[in-house]
Amino acid sequence: KYEQANYSEIQGQMARMAARQAQIQTI
């Protein structure tokens, strides 16, 4: 469960980074 929690946090960070990259691309 702790590993799944860590993985979920990493997925969240990756989603945020993907959004930032999309913003940069849009600009």
PDB file of all heavy atoms in Angstrom:
ATOM      1  N   LYS A   1       0.831  -1.210   0.000  1.00  0.00           N
ATOM      2  CA  LYS A   1       0.000   0.000   0.000  1.00  0.00           C
ATOM      3  C   LYS A   1       0.865   1.259   0.000  1.00  0.00           C
ATOM      4  O   LYS A   1       0.554   2.234  -0.675  1.00  0.00           O
ATOM      5  CB  LYS A   1      -0.951   0.008   1.203  1.00  0.00           C
ATOM      6  CG  LYS A   1      -2.068  -0.996   1.093  1.00  0.00           C
ATOM      7  CD  LYS A   1      -2.970  -0.663  -0.068  1.00  0.00           C
ATOM      8  CE  LYS A   1      -4.075  -1.682  -0.217  1.00  0.00           C
ATOM      9  NZ  LYS A   1      -4.932  -1.382  -1.369  1.00  0.00           N
ATOM     10  N   TYR A   2       1.957   1.243   0.765  1.00  0.00           N
ATOM     11  CA  TYR A   2       2.846   2.403   0.777  1.00  0.00           C
ATOM     12  C   TYR A   2       3.495   2.601  -0.593  1.00  0.00           C
ATOM     13  O   TYR A   2       3.668   3.733  -1.046  1.00  0.00           O
ATOM     14  CB  TYR A   2       3.916   2.279   1.866  1.00  0.00           C
ATOM     15  CG  TYR A   2       3.403   2.652   3.234  1.00  0.00           C
ATOM     16  CD1 TYR A   2       3.411   1.726   4.268  1.00  0.00           C
ATOM     17  CD2 TYR A   2       2.909   3.926   3.500  1.00  0.00           C
ATOM     18  CE1 TYR A   2       2.945   2.069   5.526  1.00  0.00           C
ATOM     19  CE2 TYR A   2       2.439   4.268   4.748  1.00  0.00           C
ATOM     20  CZ  TYR A   2       2.454   3.338   5.762  1.00  0.00           C
ATOM     21  OH  TYR A   2       1.983   3.676   7.000  1.00  0.00           O
ATOM     22  N   GLU A   3       3.839   1.518  -1.260  1.00  0.00           N
ATOM     23  CA  GLU A   3       4.410   1.635  -2.605  1.00  0.00           C
ATOM     24  C   GLU A   3       3.379   2.185  -3.580  1.00  0.00           C
ATOM     25  O   GLU A   3       3.699   2.999  -4.443  1.00  0.00           O
ATOM     26  CB  GLU A   3       4.936   0.281  -3.094  1.00  0.00           C
ATOM     27  CG  GLU A   3       6.297  -0.063  -2.555  1.00  0.00           C
ATOM     28  CD  GLU A   3       7.342   0.994  -2.868  1.00  0.00           C
ATOM     29  OE1 GLU A   3       7.464   1.414  -4.036  1.00  0.00           O
ATOM     30  OE2 GLU A   3       8.037   1.409  -1.927  1.00  0.00           O
ATOM     31  N   GLN A   4       2.141   1.733  -3.457  1.00  0.00           N
ATOM     32  CA  GLN A   4       1.083   2.265  -4.311  1.00  0.00           C
ATOM     33  C   GLN A   4       0.884   3.759  -4.049  1.00  0.00           C
ATOM     34  O   GLN A   4       0.665   4.538  -4.977  1.00  0.00           O
ATOM     35  CB  GLN A   4      -0.227   1.514  -4.079  1.00  0.00           C
ATOM     36  CG  GLN A   4      -0.228   0.103  -4.613  1.00  0.00           C
ATOM     37  CD  GLN A   4      -1.479  -0.678  -4.217  1.00  0.00           C
ATOM     38  OE1 GLN A   4      -2.286  -0.227  -3.409  1.00  0.00           O
ATOM     39  NE2 GLN A   4      -1.632  -1.867  -4.790  1.00  0.00           N
ATOM     40  N   ALA A   5       0.986   4.154  -2.783  1.00  0.00           N
ATOM     41  CA  ALA A   5       0.850   5.568  -2.432  1.00  0.00           C
ATOM     42  C   ALA A   5       1.979   6.381  -3.066  1.00  0.00           C
ATOM     43  O   ALA A   5       1.739   7.461  -3.635  1.00  0.00           O
ATOM     44  CB  ALA A   5       0.851   5.744  -0.911  1.00  0.00           C
ATOM     45  N   ASN A   6       3.195   5.875  -2.978  1.00  0.00           N
ATOM     46  CA  ASN A   6       4.327   6.572  -3.594  1.00  0.00           C
ATOM     47  C   ASN A   6       4.141   6.686  -5.103  1.00  0.00           C
ATOM     48  O   ASN A   6       4.417   7.726  -5.700  1.00  0.00           O
ATOM     49  CB  ASN A   6       5.637   5.859  -3.274  1.00  0.00           C
ATOM     50  CG  ASN A   6       6.010   5.979  -1.818  1.00  0.00           C
ATOM     51  OD1 ASN A   6       5.567   6.881  -1.121  1.00  0.00           O
ATOM     52  ND2 ASN A   6       6.828   5.056  -1.340  1.00  0.00           N
ATOM     53  N   TYR A   7       3.670   5.617  -5.713  1.00  0.00           N
ATOM     54  CA  TYR A   7       3.447   5.625  -7.156  1.00  0.00           C
ATOM     55  C   TYR A   7       2.361   6.633  -7.526  1.00  0.00           C
ATOM     56  O   TYR A   7       2.482   7.343  -8.528  1.00  0.00           O
ATOM     57  CB  TYR A   7       3.081   4.221  -7.644  1.00  0.00           C
ATOM     58  CG  TYR A   7       2.918   4.126  -9.128  1.00  0.00           C
ATOM     59  CD1 TYR A   7       4.015   4.237  -9.980  1.00  0.00           C
ATOM     60  CD2 TYR A   7       1.668   3.944  -9.703  1.00  0.00           C
ATOM     61  CE1 TYR A   7       3.872   4.169 -11.351  1.00  0.00           C
ATOM     62  CE2 TYR A   7       1.509   3.876 -11.072  1.00  0.00           C
ATOM     63  CZ  TYR A   7       2.611   3.985 -11.892  1.00  0.00           C
ATOM     64  OH  TYR A   7       2.454   3.931 -13.261  1.00  0.00           O
ATOM     65  N   SER A   8       1.315   6.713  -6.718  1.00  0.00           N
ATOM     66  CA  SER A   8       0.252   7.685  -6.990  1.00  0.00           C
ATOM     67  C   SER A   8       0.781   9.110  -6.926  1.00  0.00           C
ATOM     68  O   SER A   8       0.426   9.953  -7.756  1.00  0.00           O
ATOM     69  CB  SER A   8      -0.895   7.524  -5.984  1.00  0.00           C
ATOM     70  OG  SER A   8      -1.592   6.335  -6.218  1.00  0.00           O
ATOM     71  N   GLU A   9       1.630   9.376  -5.950  1.00  0.00           N
ATOM     72  CA  GLU A   9       2.209  10.714  -5.858  1.00  0.00           C
ATOM     73  C   GLU A   9       3.077  11.029  -7.083  1.00  0.00           C
ATOM     74  O   GLU A   9       3.054  12.144  -7.602  1.00  0.00           O
ATOM     75  CB  GLU A   9       3.040  10.858  -4.589  1.00  0.00           C
ATOM     76  CG  GLU A   9       2.187  11.027  -3.352  1.00  0.00           C
ATOM     77  CD  GLU A   9       2.999  11.210  -2.098  1.00  0.00           C
ATOM     78  OE1 GLU A   9       4.212  10.887  -2.095  1.00  0.00           O
ATOM     79  OE2 GLU A   9       2.421  11.683  -1.112  1.00  0.00           O
ATOM     80  N   ILE A  10       3.825  10.039  -7.532  1.00  0.00           N
ATOM     81  CA  ILE A  10       4.654  10.235  -8.731  1.00  0.00           C
ATOM     82  C   ILE A  10       3.766  10.493  -9.941  1.00  0.00           C
ATOM     83  O   ILE A  10       4.056  11.378 -10.754  1.00  0.00           O
ATOM     84  CB  ILE A  10       5.577   9.018  -8.955  1.00  0.00           C
ATOM     85  CG1 ILE A  10       6.655   8.969  -7.867  1.00  0.00           C
ATOM     86  CG2 ILE A  10       6.212   9.064 -10.338  1.00  0.00           C
ATOM     87  CD1 ILE A  10       7.444   7.691  -7.823  1.00  0.00           C
ATOM     88  N   GLN A  11       2.665   9.765 -10.044  1.00  0.00           N
ATOM     89  CA  GLN A  11       1.738   9.995 -11.155  1.00  0.00           C
ATOM     90  C   GLN A  11       1.184  11.418 -11.105  1.00  0.00           C
ATOM     91  O   GLN A  11       1.033  12.066 -12.143  1.00  0.00           O
ATOM     92  CB  GLN A  11       0.576   8.998 -11.104  1.00  0.00           C
ATOM     93  CG  GLN A  11       0.926   7.620 -11.591  1.00  0.00           C
ATOM     94  CD  GLN A  11      -0.265   6.684 -11.518  1.00  0.00           C
ATOM     95  OE1 GLN A  11      -1.024   6.697 -10.552  1.00  0.00           O
ATOM     96  NE2 GLN A  11      -0.425   5.882 -12.547  1.00  0.00           N
ATOM     97  N   GLY A  12       0.888  11.888  -9.911  1.00  0.00           N
ATOM     98  CA  GLY A  12       0.390  13.258  -9.765  1.00  0.00           C
ATOM     99  C   GLY A  12       1.422  14.280 -10.191  1.00  0.00           C
ATOM    100  O   GLY A  12       1.102  15.262 -10.869  1.00  0.00           O
ATOM    101  N   GLN A  13       2.663  14.056  -9.799  1.00  0.00           N
ATOM    102  CA  GLN A  13       3.735  14.969 -10.200  1.00  0.00           C
ATOM    103  C   GLN A  13       3.920  14.953 -11.715  1.00  0.00           C
ATOM    104  O   GLN A  13       4.145  15.999 -12.342  1.00  0.00           O
ATOM    105  CB  GLN A  13       5.036  14.594  -9.496  1.00  0.00           C
ATOM    106  CG  GLN A  13       4.995  14.851  -8.003  1.00  0.00           C
ATOM    107  CD  GLN A  13       6.155  14.202  -7.269  1.00  0.00           C
ATOM    108  OE1 GLN A  13       6.992  13.530  -7.864  1.00  0.00           O
ATOM    109  NE2 GLN A  13       6.199  14.395  -5.961  1.00  0.00           N
ATOM    110  N   MET A  14       3.816  13.768 -12.301  1.00  0.00           N
ATOM    111  CA  MET A  14       3.948  13.650 -13.755  1.00  0.00           C
ATOM    112  C   MET A  14       2.782  14.357 -14.462  1.00  0.00           C
ATOM    113  O   MET A  14       2.983  14.998 -15.507  1.00  0.00           O
ATOM    114  CB  MET A  14       4.015  12.176 -14.175  1.00  0.00           C
ATOM    115  CG  MET A  14       5.244  11.452 -13.660  1.00  0.00           C
ATOM    116  SD  MET A  14       6.780  12.164 -14.228  1.00  0.00           S
ATOM    117  CE  MET A  14       6.725  11.722 -15.941  1.00  0.00           C
ATOM    118  N   ALA A  15       1.580  14.254 -13.914  1.00  0.00           N
ATOM    119  CA  ALA A  15       0.432  14.939 -14.519  1.00  0.00           C
ATOM    120  C   ALA A  15       0.629  16.445 -14.463  1.00  0.00           C
ATOM    121  O   ALA A  15       0.323  17.162 -15.436  1.00  0.00           O
ATOM    122  CB  ALA A  15      -0.854  14.547 -13.785  1.00  0.00           C
ATOM    123  N   ARG A  16       1.151  16.928 -13.349  1.00  0.00           N
ATOM    124  CA  ARG A  16       1.403  18.368 -13.223  1.00  0.00           C
ATOM    125  C   ARG A  16       2.486  18.808 -14.216  1.00  0.00           C
ATOM    126  O   ARG A  16       2.368  19.858 -14.847  1.00  0.00           O
ATOM    127  CB  ARG A  16       1.827  18.674 -11.793  1.00  0.00           C
ATOM    128  CG  ARG A  16       1.961  20.136 -11.468  1.00  0.00           C
ATOM    129  CD  ARG A  16       0.579  20.795 -11.385  1.00  0.00           C
ATOM    130  NE  ARG A  16       0.664  22.196 -11.118  1.00  0.00           N
ATOM    131  CZ  ARG A  16       0.554  22.751  -9.924  1.00  0.00           C
ATOM    132  NH1 ARG A  16       0.337  21.992  -8.872  1.00  0.00           N
ATOM    133  NH2 ARG A  16       0.620  24.040  -9.785  1.00  0.00           N
ATOM    134  N   MET A  17       3.537  18.004 -14.352  1.00  0.00           N
ATOM    135  CA  MET A  17       4.604  18.343 -15.298  1.00  0.00           C
ATOM    136  C   MET A  17       4.091  18.325 -16.737  1.00  0.00           C
ATOM    137  O   MET A  17       4.465  19.178 -17.550  1.00  0.00           O
ATOM    138  CB  MET A  17       5.780  17.378 -15.136  1.00  0.00           C
ATOM    139  CG  MET A  17       6.581  17.636 -13.884  1.00  0.00           C
ATOM    140  SD  MET A  17       7.874  16.426 -13.571  1.00  0.00           S
ATOM    141  CE  MET A  17       8.791  16.444 -15.077  1.00  0.00           C
ATOM    142  N   ALA A  18       3.227  17.356 -17.053  1.00  0.00           N
ATOM    143  CA  ALA A  18       2.666  17.287 -18.406  1.00  0.00           C
ATOM    144  C   ALA A  18       1.822  18.526 -18.694  1.00  0.00           C
ATOM    145  O   ALA A  18       1.852  19.065 -19.815  1.00  0.00           O
ATOM    146  CB  ALA A  18       1.827  16.022 -18.562  1.00  0.00           C
ATOM    147  N   ALA A  19       1.096  18.995 -17.684  1.00  0.00           N
ATOM    148  CA  ALA A  19       0.295  20.208 -17.871  1.00  0.00           C
ATOM    149  C   ALA A  19       1.203  21.411 -18.101  1.00  0.00           C
ATOM    150  O   ALA A  19       0.912  22.260 -18.954  1.00  0.00           O
ATOM    151  CB  ALA A  19      -0.601  20.439 -16.655  1.00  0.00           C
ATOM    152  N   ARG A  20       2.297  21.481 -17.355  1.00  0.00           N
ATOM    153  CA  ARG A  20       3.236  22.598 -17.552  1.00  0.00           C
ATOM    154  C   ARG A  20       3.840  22.563 -18.958  1.00  0.00           C
ATOM    155  O   ARG A  20       4.001  23.600 -19.603  1.00  0.00           O
ATOM    156  CB  ARG A  20       4.342  22.543 -16.502  1.00  0.00           C
ATOM    157  CG  ARG A  20       3.872  23.006 -15.146  1.00  0.00           C
ATOM    158  CD  ARG A  20       5.014  23.061 -14.156  1.00  0.00           C
ATOM    159  NE  ARG A  20       4.491  23.353 -12.836  1.00  0.00           N
ATOM    160  CZ  ARG A  20       4.859  22.725 -11.737  1.00  0.00           C
ATOM    161  NH1 ARG A  20       5.765  21.774 -11.783  1.00  0.00           N
ATOM    162  NH2 ARG A  20       4.328  23.048 -10.576  1.00  0.00           N
ATOM    163  N   GLN A  21       4.185  21.366 -19.415  1.00  0.00           N
ATOM    164  CA  GLN A  21       4.742  21.247 -20.764  1.00  0.00           C
ATOM    165  C   GLN A  21       3.717  21.661 -21.806  1.00  0.00           C
ATOM    166  O   GLN A  21       4.053  22.320 -22.796  1.00  0.00           O
ATOM    167  CB  GLN A  21       5.213  19.816 -21.014  1.00  0.00           C
ATOM    168  CG  GLN A  21       6.475  19.470 -20.257  1.00  0.00           C
ATOM    169  CD  GLN A  21       6.873  18.010 -20.424  1.00  0.00           C
ATOM    170  OE1 GLN A  21       6.060  17.157 -20.750  1.00  0.00           O
ATOM    171  NE2 GLN A  21       8.143  17.725 -20.186  1.00  0.00           N
ATOM    172  N   ALA A  22       2.455  21.299 -21.580  1.00  0.00           N
ATOM    173  CA  ALA A  22       1.401  21.700 -22.516  1.00  0.00           C
ATOM    174  C   ALA A  22       1.240  23.216 -22.502  1.00  0.00           C
ATOM    175  O   ALA A  22       1.033  23.831 -23.566  1.00  0.00           O
ATOM    176  CB  ALA A  22       0.086  21.015 -22.153  1.00  0.00           C
ATOM    177  N   GLN A  23       1.361  23.819 -21.313  1.00  0.00           N
ATOM    178  CA  GLN A  23       1.276  25.281 -21.246  1.00  0.00           C
ATOM    179  C   GLN A  23       2.414  25.933 -22.019  1.00  0.00           C
ATOM    180  O   GLN A  23       2.191  26.888 -22.767  1.00  0.00           O
ATOM    181  CB  GLN A  23       1.327  25.736 -19.777  1.00  0.00           C
ATOM    182  CG  GLN A  23       0.073  25.440 -18.990  1.00  0.00           C
ATOM    183  CD  GLN A  23       0.229  25.797 -17.524  1.00  0.00           C
ATOM    184  OE1 GLN A  23       1.247  25.513 -16.911  1.00  0.00           O
ATOM    185  NE2 GLN A  23      -0.798  26.415 -16.960  1.00  0.00           N
ATOM    186  N   ILE A  24       3.608  25.419 -21.833  1.00  0.00           N
ATOM    187  CA  ILE A  24       4.771  25.968 -22.544  1.00  0.00           C
ATOM    188  C   ILE A  24       4.591  25.823 -24.050  1.00  0.00           C
ATOM    189  O   ILE A  24       4.877  26.740 -24.822  1.00  0.00           O
ATOM    190  CB  ILE A  24       6.067  25.292 -22.058  1.00  0.00           C
ATOM    191  CG1 ILE A  24       6.362  25.727 -20.616  1.00  0.00           C
ATOM    192  CG2 ILE A  24       7.239  25.611 -22.967  1.00  0.00           C
ATOM    193  CD1 ILE A  24       7.442  24.908 -19.929  1.00  0.00           C
ATOM    194  N   GLN A  25       4.091  24.666 -24.469  1.00  0.00           N
ATOM    195  CA  GLN A  25       3.882  24.429 -25.895  1.00  0.00           C
ATOM    196  C   GLN A  25       2.820  25.386 -26.448  1.00  0.00           C
ATOM    197  O   GLN A  25       2.961  25.929 -27.547  1.00  0.00           O
ATOM    198  CB  GLN A  25       3.475  22.979 -26.131  1.00  0.00           C
ATOM    199  CG  GLN A  25       3.365  22.605 -27.584  1.00  0.00           C
ATOM    200  CD  GLN A  25       3.041  21.130 -27.759  1.00  0.00           C
ATOM    201  OE1 GLN A  25       2.687  20.439 -26.819  1.00  0.00           O
ATOM    202  NE2 GLN A  25       3.147  20.664 -28.990  1.00  0.00           N
ATOM    203  N   THR A  26       1.775  25.602 -25.667  1.00  0.00           N
ATOM    204  CA  THR A  26       0.718  26.512 -26.111  1.00  0.00           C
ATOM    205  C   THR A  26       1.254  27.930 -26.253  1.00  0.00           C
ATOM    206  O   THR A  26       0.978  28.613 -27.252  1.00  0.00           O
ATOM    207  CB  THR A  26      -0.454  26.499 -25.104  1.00  0.00           C
ATOM    208  OG1 THR A  26      -0.978  25.167 -25.029  1.00  0.00           O
ATOM    209  CG2 THR A  26      -1.563  27.451 -25.514  1.00  0.00           C
ATOM    210  N   ILE A  27       2.030  28.365 -25.270  1.00  0.00           N
ATOM    211  CA  ILE A  27       2.611  29.709 -25.341  1.00  0.00           C
ATOM    212  C   ILE A  27       3.576  29.812 -26.520  1.00  0.00           C
ATOM    213  O   ILE A  27       3.587  30.814 -27.249  1.00  0.00           O
ATOM    214  CB  ILE A  27       3.299  30.065 -24.008  1.00  0.00           C
ATOM    215  CG1 ILE A  27       2.238  30.229 -22.914  1.00  0.00           C
ATOM    216  CG2 ILE A  27       4.133  31.328 -24.133  1.00  0.00           C
ATOM    217  CD1 ILE A  27       2.799  30.309 -21.510  1.00  0.00           C
TER     218      ILE A  27
END
